[in-house]
N, C-alpha and C. Protein backbone atom coordinates (compact mmCIF):
# COMPACT_ATOMS: atom_id res chain seq x y z
N MET A 1 25.56 2.63 -3.53
CA MET A 1 24.70 2.51 -2.36
C MET A 1 23.72 1.37 -2.62
N ASN A 2 23.60 0.46 -1.65
CA ASN A 2 22.71 -0.69 -1.76
C ASN A 2 21.66 -0.65 -0.67
N ILE A 3 20.68 -1.50 -0.81
CA ILE A 3 19.67 -1.66 0.23
C ILE A 3 20.26 -2.53 1.33
N GLN A 4 20.23 -2.02 2.56
CA GLN A 4 20.77 -2.73 3.72
C GLN A 4 19.61 -3.23 4.58
N ASN A 5 19.74 -4.42 5.15
CA ASN A 5 18.65 -5.01 5.94
C ASN A 5 18.25 -4.17 7.15
N ASP A 6 19.19 -3.44 7.73
CA ASP A 6 18.88 -2.68 8.94
C ASP A 6 18.55 -1.22 8.67
N GLN A 7 18.43 -0.87 7.40
CA GLN A 7 18.25 0.53 7.02
C GLN A 7 17.04 0.67 6.09
N CYS A 8 16.23 1.68 6.33
CA CYS A 8 15.06 1.92 5.49
C CYS A 8 15.50 2.13 4.04
N ALA A 9 14.89 1.41 3.13
CA ALA A 9 15.24 1.50 1.72
C ALA A 9 14.95 2.89 1.15
N TYR A 10 14.08 3.65 1.79
CA TYR A 10 13.63 4.93 1.26
C TYR A 10 14.32 6.13 1.90
N CYS A 11 14.40 6.14 3.25
CA CYS A 11 14.93 7.35 3.92
C CYS A 11 16.24 7.10 4.66
N LEU A 12 16.70 5.86 4.68
CA LEU A 12 17.98 5.47 5.28
C LEU A 12 17.99 5.47 6.81
N SER A 13 16.84 5.69 7.45
CA SER A 13 16.81 5.58 8.91
C SER A 13 16.75 4.09 9.28
N SER A 14 16.65 3.79 10.56
CA SER A 14 16.60 2.39 11.00
C SER A 14 15.35 1.71 10.49
N ALA A 15 15.53 0.53 9.95
CA ALA A 15 14.38 -0.25 9.45
C ALA A 15 13.72 -0.96 10.62
N THR A 16 12.42 -0.79 10.74
CA THR A 16 11.67 -1.44 11.81
C THR A 16 10.62 -2.39 11.27
N THR A 17 10.46 -2.44 9.96
CA THR A 17 9.44 -3.27 9.33
C THR A 17 9.88 -3.57 7.90
N VAL A 18 9.02 -4.20 7.14
CA VAL A 18 9.29 -4.40 5.71
C VAL A 18 8.12 -3.83 4.93
N ASP A 19 8.40 -3.44 3.70
CA ASP A 19 7.38 -2.84 2.84
C ASP A 19 7.25 -3.66 1.57
N HIS A 20 6.01 -3.79 1.08
CA HIS A 20 5.80 -4.35 -0.26
C HIS A 20 6.23 -3.26 -1.24
N PHE A 21 7.33 -3.48 -1.90
CA PHE A 21 7.90 -2.50 -2.83
C PHE A 21 6.88 -2.13 -3.89
N ARG A 22 6.27 -3.14 -4.48
CA ARG A 22 5.17 -2.92 -5.42
C ARG A 22 3.89 -3.32 -4.71
N PRO A 23 2.85 -2.52 -4.83
CA PRO A 23 1.62 -2.79 -4.08
C PRO A 23 0.97 -4.10 -4.49
N LEU A 24 0.33 -4.75 -3.50
CA LEU A 24 -0.38 -6.00 -3.76
C LEU A 24 -1.77 -5.74 -4.32
N VAL A 25 -2.34 -4.59 -3.96
CA VAL A 25 -3.70 -4.24 -4.37
C VAL A 25 -3.69 -2.82 -4.91
N GLU A 26 -4.44 -2.61 -5.99
CA GLU A 26 -4.59 -1.29 -6.56
C GLU A 26 -6.02 -1.15 -7.06
N ASN A 27 -6.68 -0.09 -6.68
CA ASN A 27 -8.09 0.13 -7.04
C ASN A 27 -8.96 -1.06 -6.64
N GLY A 28 -8.64 -1.66 -5.50
CA GLY A 28 -9.45 -2.76 -4.98
C GLY A 28 -9.21 -4.10 -5.65
N LEU A 29 -8.25 -4.19 -6.56
CA LEU A 29 -7.97 -5.45 -7.26
C LEU A 29 -6.53 -5.87 -7.03
N PRO A 30 -6.28 -7.18 -7.00
CA PRO A 30 -4.89 -7.63 -6.86
C PRO A 30 -4.06 -7.19 -8.06
N THR A 31 -2.86 -6.70 -7.79
CA THR A 31 -2.00 -6.19 -8.87
C THR A 31 -1.29 -7.32 -9.61
N GLY A 32 -1.15 -8.46 -8.94
CA GLY A 32 -0.36 -9.54 -9.52
C GLY A 32 0.99 -9.68 -8.84
N TYR A 33 1.36 -8.68 -8.05
CA TYR A 33 2.59 -8.79 -7.27
C TYR A 33 2.23 -9.48 -5.96
N ILE A 34 3.14 -10.26 -5.44
CA ILE A 34 2.87 -11.05 -4.25
C ILE A 34 3.92 -10.76 -3.18
N THR A 35 3.68 -11.34 -2.01
CA THR A 35 4.64 -11.22 -0.92
C THR A 35 5.72 -12.26 -1.14
N ASP A 36 6.84 -11.83 -1.66
CA ASP A 36 8.02 -12.68 -1.75
C ASP A 36 9.25 -11.80 -1.63
N ILE A 37 10.39 -12.41 -1.49
CA ILE A 37 11.63 -11.69 -1.21
C ILE A 37 11.93 -10.64 -2.27
N ASN A 38 11.45 -10.87 -3.49
CA ASN A 38 11.69 -9.92 -4.58
C ASN A 38 10.78 -8.70 -4.53
N ASN A 39 9.83 -8.70 -3.59
CA ASN A 39 8.91 -7.57 -3.49
C ASN A 39 8.89 -6.97 -2.08
N LEU A 40 9.91 -7.27 -1.29
CA LEU A 40 9.98 -6.74 0.07
C LEU A 40 11.28 -5.97 0.27
N VAL A 41 11.16 -4.82 0.90
CA VAL A 41 12.35 -4.02 1.25
C VAL A 41 12.26 -3.63 2.71
N PRO A 42 13.43 -3.52 3.38
CA PRO A 42 13.41 -3.02 4.76
C PRO A 42 12.91 -1.58 4.76
N CYS A 43 12.19 -1.24 5.81
CA CYS A 43 11.53 0.06 5.82
C CYS A 43 11.31 0.53 7.25
N CYS A 44 11.29 1.83 7.46
CA CYS A 44 10.88 2.37 8.75
C CYS A 44 9.35 2.47 8.74
N SER A 45 8.75 2.49 9.90
CA SER A 45 7.29 2.52 9.96
C SER A 45 6.73 3.82 9.38
N ASP A 46 7.47 4.93 9.50
CA ASP A 46 7.01 6.20 8.96
C ASP A 46 6.88 6.12 7.44
N CYS A 47 7.92 5.66 6.76
CA CYS A 47 7.86 5.53 5.29
C CYS A 47 6.80 4.52 4.88
N ASN A 48 6.72 3.41 5.62
CA ASN A 48 5.75 2.37 5.27
C ASN A 48 4.33 2.90 5.33
N SER A 49 4.00 3.63 6.38
CA SER A 49 2.63 4.13 6.49
C SER A 49 2.37 5.27 5.50
N ARG A 50 3.36 6.08 5.21
CA ARG A 50 3.17 7.18 4.25
C ARG A 50 3.05 6.66 2.82
N LYS A 51 3.82 5.64 2.50
CA LYS A 51 3.77 5.07 1.14
C LYS A 51 2.47 4.32 0.95
N GLY A 52 2.06 3.55 1.96
CA GLY A 52 0.82 2.78 1.84
C GLY A 52 0.85 1.88 0.62
N GLY A 53 -0.22 1.88 -0.13
CA GLY A 53 -0.32 1.03 -1.32
C GLY A 53 0.06 1.74 -2.61
N LYS A 54 0.76 2.86 -2.49
CA LYS A 54 1.14 3.62 -3.69
C LYS A 54 2.30 2.94 -4.42
N TYR A 55 2.38 3.19 -5.71
CA TYR A 55 3.53 2.76 -6.49
C TYR A 55 4.75 3.50 -5.96
N TRP A 56 5.84 2.78 -5.72
CA TRP A 56 6.98 3.34 -5.00
C TRP A 56 7.52 4.62 -5.64
N ARG A 57 7.67 4.63 -6.97
CA ARG A 57 8.28 5.78 -7.64
C ARG A 57 7.40 7.03 -7.50
N ASP A 58 6.09 6.88 -7.72
CA ASP A 58 5.19 8.02 -7.59
C ASP A 58 5.27 8.62 -6.19
N TRP A 59 5.26 7.76 -5.19
CA TRP A 59 5.33 8.24 -3.81
C TRP A 59 6.70 8.84 -3.51
N TYR A 60 7.76 8.12 -3.89
CA TYR A 60 9.11 8.57 -3.54
C TYR A 60 9.42 9.95 -4.12
N LEU A 61 8.98 10.17 -5.36
CA LEU A 61 9.29 11.44 -6.03
C LEU A 61 8.24 12.53 -5.79
N SER A 62 7.24 12.23 -4.97
CA SER A 62 6.21 13.24 -4.69
C SER A 62 6.84 14.41 -3.94
N GLU A 63 6.27 15.57 -4.17
CA GLU A 63 6.76 16.80 -3.54
C GLU A 63 6.80 16.68 -2.02
N SER A 64 5.73 16.12 -1.46
CA SER A 64 5.66 16.02 0.00
C SER A 64 6.72 15.05 0.54
N ASN A 65 6.99 13.97 -0.18
CA ASN A 65 8.01 13.03 0.30
C ASN A 65 9.40 13.61 0.17
N ILE A 66 9.69 14.28 -0.94
CA ILE A 66 11.01 14.91 -1.11
C ILE A 66 11.24 15.93 0.01
N ARG A 67 10.22 16.71 0.31
CA ARG A 67 10.32 17.70 1.40
C ARG A 67 10.61 16.98 2.73
N ARG A 68 9.90 15.88 2.97
CA ARG A 68 10.08 15.11 4.21
C ARG A 68 11.50 14.54 4.28
N LEU A 69 11.99 14.00 3.18
CA LEU A 69 13.35 13.44 3.16
C LEU A 69 14.39 14.52 3.46
N LYS A 70 14.18 15.69 2.91
CA LYS A 70 15.11 16.80 3.17
C LYS A 70 15.04 17.23 4.63
N GLU A 71 13.82 17.22 5.20
CA GLU A 71 13.69 17.54 6.63
C GLU A 71 14.40 16.52 7.49
N LYS A 72 14.52 15.28 6.99
CA LYS A 72 15.25 14.24 7.73
C LYS A 72 16.76 14.38 7.55
N GLY A 73 17.19 15.31 6.68
CA GLY A 73 18.61 15.56 6.50
C GLY A 73 19.20 14.99 5.23
N LEU A 74 18.40 14.39 4.36
CA LEU A 74 18.92 13.87 3.11
C LEU A 74 19.13 15.01 2.13
N THR A 75 20.22 14.94 1.40
CA THR A 75 20.53 15.96 0.39
C THR A 75 19.92 15.54 -0.95
N ASP A 76 19.88 16.48 -1.89
CA ASP A 76 19.39 16.14 -3.23
C ASP A 76 20.20 14.99 -3.82
N GLU A 77 21.51 15.03 -3.61
CA GLU A 77 22.39 13.98 -4.13
C GLU A 77 22.06 12.63 -3.51
N THR A 78 21.84 12.58 -2.21
CA THR A 78 21.51 11.33 -1.53
C THR A 78 20.16 10.80 -2.01
N ILE A 79 19.20 11.70 -2.20
CA ILE A 79 17.87 11.30 -2.67
C ILE A 79 17.99 10.70 -4.07
N GLN A 80 18.80 11.30 -4.93
CA GLN A 80 19.00 10.77 -6.28
C GLN A 80 19.74 9.44 -6.27
N GLU A 81 20.73 9.28 -5.37
CA GLU A 81 21.43 8.00 -5.23
C GLU A 81 20.46 6.91 -4.79
N ARG A 82 19.60 7.26 -3.83
CA ARG A 82 18.60 6.30 -3.32
C ARG A 82 17.64 5.92 -4.44
N LEU A 83 17.23 6.89 -5.26
CA LEU A 83 16.35 6.63 -6.39
C LEU A 83 16.99 5.63 -7.34
N ARG A 84 18.25 5.84 -7.67
CA ARG A 84 18.95 4.91 -8.57
C ARG A 84 19.04 3.51 -7.96
N CYS A 85 19.26 3.45 -6.66
CA CYS A 85 19.31 2.16 -5.96
C CYS A 85 17.96 1.44 -6.05
N LEU A 86 16.89 2.18 -5.81
CA LEU A 86 15.54 1.59 -5.89
C LEU A 86 15.19 1.17 -7.31
N GLU A 87 15.65 1.93 -8.28
CA GLU A 87 15.43 1.55 -9.69
C GLU A 87 16.16 0.25 -10.02
N ARG A 88 17.38 0.09 -9.50
CA ARG A 88 18.12 -1.17 -9.71
C ARG A 88 17.37 -2.33 -9.07
N PHE A 89 16.87 -2.11 -7.84
CA PHE A 89 16.11 -3.15 -7.16
C PHE A 89 14.87 -3.54 -7.99
N GLU A 90 14.21 -2.55 -8.56
CA GLU A 90 13.01 -2.82 -9.35
C GLU A 90 13.31 -3.73 -10.53
N THR A 91 14.50 -3.59 -11.13
CA THR A 91 14.83 -4.45 -12.28
C THR A 91 15.03 -5.90 -11.86
N LEU A 92 15.26 -6.13 -10.57
CA LEU A 92 15.47 -7.50 -10.08
C LEU A 92 14.17 -8.20 -9.72
N THR A 93 13.09 -7.42 -9.59
CA THR A 93 11.83 -8.02 -9.15
C THR A 93 11.18 -8.78 -10.29
N LYS A 94 10.46 -9.82 -9.91
CA LYS A 94 9.79 -10.68 -10.87
C LYS A 94 8.61 -9.95 -11.51
N GLU A 95 8.23 -10.45 -12.67
CA GLU A 95 7.03 -9.92 -13.32
C GLU A 95 5.82 -10.30 -12.49
N LYS A 96 4.78 -9.51 -12.60
CA LYS A 96 3.58 -9.79 -11.83
C LYS A 96 2.81 -10.97 -12.43
N LEU A 97 2.00 -11.58 -11.59
CA LEU A 97 1.17 -12.69 -12.02
C LEU A 97 -0.01 -12.16 -12.83
N ASP A 98 -0.40 -12.90 -13.85
CA ASP A 98 -1.57 -12.57 -14.65
C ASP A 98 -2.68 -13.53 -14.24
N TYR A 99 -3.53 -13.06 -13.33
CA TYR A 99 -4.55 -13.95 -12.75
C TYR A 99 -5.53 -14.47 -13.79
N GLU A 100 -5.88 -13.66 -14.76
CA GLU A 100 -6.81 -14.12 -15.79
C GLU A 100 -6.19 -15.26 -16.61
N GLU A 101 -4.90 -15.13 -16.86
CA GLU A 101 -4.21 -16.19 -17.61
C GLU A 101 -4.11 -17.47 -16.77
N ILE A 102 -3.82 -17.31 -15.49
CA ILE A 102 -3.65 -18.47 -14.61
C ILE A 102 -4.98 -19.18 -14.38
N LEU A 103 -6.03 -18.41 -14.08
CA LEU A 103 -7.32 -18.99 -13.71
C LEU A 103 -8.25 -19.23 -14.89
N GLY A 104 -8.01 -18.55 -15.96
CA GLY A 104 -8.92 -18.58 -17.09
C GLY A 104 -9.89 -17.42 -16.98
N LYS A 105 -10.36 -16.98 -18.12
CA LYS A 105 -11.22 -15.80 -18.17
C LYS A 105 -12.49 -15.98 -17.36
N GLU A 106 -13.11 -17.15 -17.46
CA GLU A 106 -14.38 -17.40 -16.77
C GLU A 106 -14.23 -17.31 -15.25
N LYS A 107 -13.23 -17.99 -14.69
CA LYS A 107 -13.04 -17.96 -13.23
C LYS A 107 -12.63 -16.57 -12.75
N TRP A 108 -11.77 -15.90 -13.51
CA TRP A 108 -11.34 -14.57 -13.10
C TRP A 108 -12.53 -13.61 -13.06
N HIS A 109 -13.37 -13.67 -14.06
CA HIS A 109 -14.53 -12.79 -14.09
C HIS A 109 -15.54 -13.17 -13.01
N GLU A 110 -15.63 -14.46 -12.70
CA GLU A 110 -16.49 -14.87 -11.59
C GLU A 110 -15.97 -14.28 -10.28
N PHE A 111 -14.65 -14.31 -10.11
CA PHE A 111 -14.05 -13.70 -8.91
C PHE A 111 -14.43 -12.22 -8.83
N LEU A 112 -14.29 -11.50 -9.94
CA LEU A 112 -14.61 -10.07 -9.95
C LEU A 112 -16.08 -9.83 -9.62
N GLU A 113 -16.97 -10.64 -10.18
CA GLU A 113 -18.40 -10.50 -9.88
C GLU A 113 -18.68 -10.78 -8.40
N ARG A 114 -18.07 -11.84 -7.86
CA ARG A 114 -18.27 -12.17 -6.44
C ARG A 114 -17.73 -11.04 -5.55
N LYS A 115 -16.59 -10.49 -5.91
CA LYS A 115 -16.00 -9.39 -5.14
C LYS A 115 -16.94 -8.19 -5.14
N ASN A 116 -17.49 -7.87 -6.30
CA ASN A 116 -18.42 -6.73 -6.39
C ASN A 116 -19.67 -6.98 -5.57
N ARG A 117 -20.22 -8.21 -5.62
CA ARG A 117 -21.41 -8.53 -4.83
C ARG A 117 -21.11 -8.42 -3.34
N LEU A 118 -19.96 -8.93 -2.93
CA LEU A 118 -19.57 -8.87 -1.52
C LEU A 118 -19.42 -7.42 -1.07
N ASN A 119 -18.77 -6.60 -1.87
CA ASN A 119 -18.61 -5.18 -1.51
C ASN A 119 -19.95 -4.48 -1.42
N ALA A 120 -20.87 -4.80 -2.33
CA ALA A 120 -22.19 -4.19 -2.29
C ALA A 120 -22.93 -4.61 -1.02
N GLN A 121 -22.82 -5.88 -0.65
CA GLN A 121 -23.47 -6.37 0.58
C GLN A 121 -22.86 -5.71 1.81
N LEU A 122 -21.55 -5.57 1.84
CA LEU A 122 -20.89 -4.91 2.96
C LEU A 122 -21.33 -3.45 3.07
N HIS A 123 -21.47 -2.79 1.94
CA HIS A 123 -21.93 -1.40 1.95
C HIS A 123 -23.36 -1.31 2.51
N GLU A 124 -24.22 -2.20 2.05
CA GLU A 124 -25.60 -2.22 2.54
C GLU A 124 -25.64 -2.48 4.04
N ASP A 125 -24.84 -3.43 4.50
CA ASP A 125 -24.78 -3.74 5.93
C ASP A 125 -24.25 -2.57 6.75
N GLN A 126 -23.27 -1.86 6.21
CA GLN A 126 -22.72 -0.70 6.92
C GLN A 126 -23.78 0.39 7.04
N MET A 127 -24.55 0.60 5.99
CA MET A 127 -25.62 1.61 6.05
C MET A 127 -26.65 1.22 7.11
N PHE A 128 -27.00 -0.06 7.19
CA PHE A 128 -27.94 -0.55 8.20
C PHE A 128 -27.39 -0.27 9.60
N CYS A 129 -26.13 -0.61 9.81
CA CYS A 129 -25.51 -0.38 11.12
C CYS A 129 -25.43 1.11 11.45
N ASP A 130 -25.16 1.94 10.46
CA ASP A 130 -25.15 3.39 10.69
C ASP A 130 -26.52 3.88 11.13
N ASP A 131 -27.58 3.35 10.53
CA ASP A 131 -28.94 3.73 10.93
C ASP A 131 -29.23 3.29 12.37
N LEU A 132 -28.80 2.09 12.73
CA LEU A 132 -28.98 1.63 14.11
C LEU A 132 -28.26 2.56 15.09
N TYR A 133 -27.05 2.92 14.75
CA TYR A 133 -26.26 3.81 15.59
C TYR A 133 -26.98 5.14 15.81
N LYS A 134 -27.53 5.69 14.72
CA LYS A 134 -28.26 6.96 14.83
C LYS A 134 -29.45 6.81 15.77
N GLU A 135 -30.18 5.71 15.66
CA GLU A 135 -31.33 5.49 16.54
C GLU A 135 -30.89 5.41 18.00
N ILE A 136 -29.81 4.74 18.25
CA ILE A 136 -29.30 4.59 19.62
C ILE A 136 -28.89 5.95 20.17
N ILE A 137 -28.19 6.74 19.36
CA ILE A 137 -27.76 8.07 19.78
C ILE A 137 -28.98 8.94 20.10
N GLU A 138 -30.01 8.90 19.27
CA GLU A 138 -31.24 9.67 19.52
C GLU A 138 -31.90 9.24 20.82
N TYR A 139 -31.94 7.95 21.06
CA TYR A 139 -32.52 7.42 22.29
C TYR A 139 -31.75 7.94 23.50
N LEU A 140 -30.44 7.86 23.43
CA LEU A 140 -29.60 8.32 24.54
C LEU A 140 -29.76 9.82 24.80
N LYS A 141 -29.93 10.59 23.73
CA LYS A 141 -30.13 12.02 23.90
C LYS A 141 -31.44 12.31 24.65
N LYS A 142 -32.48 11.52 24.36
CA LYS A 142 -33.78 11.73 25.02
C LYS A 142 -33.65 11.59 26.52
N TYR A 143 -32.82 10.68 26.95
CA TYR A 143 -32.71 10.37 28.38
C TYR A 143 -31.43 10.90 29.00
N ASP A 144 -30.83 11.89 28.34
CA ASP A 144 -29.63 12.58 28.84
C ASP A 144 -28.50 11.63 29.22
N TYR A 145 -28.23 10.64 28.42
CA TYR A 145 -27.08 9.76 28.65
C TYR A 145 -25.82 10.43 28.26
């Protein structure tokens, strides 16, 4: 069994989108995997949204996903065949990029510091906007809006 362009790589239904087989981001940091043909598989939108940014194997073998696949009519044998197919595909994918090696330690750490500062600023701004929203809601309540 191989991955077919018109068939979801995970559940075998009709493919309506593509999925990053290996996630691009994990814990808020780039994983080193990129969008290229070696990291894309045909996918249905249901599997794509359920998998999200999870590592494919962890998600695929999760209890909830196995249950869902069986509800879609896949047998244990078909699920295991699909697993072996995905494992073969994984061996064909390129190694991930090492950003620290590419950019150098100084630039990579500067990126991480800038990212942290940006996230902190976004958090502060969100809290400010939340406070504004609360004030507006209180105002509207006073005047029965």
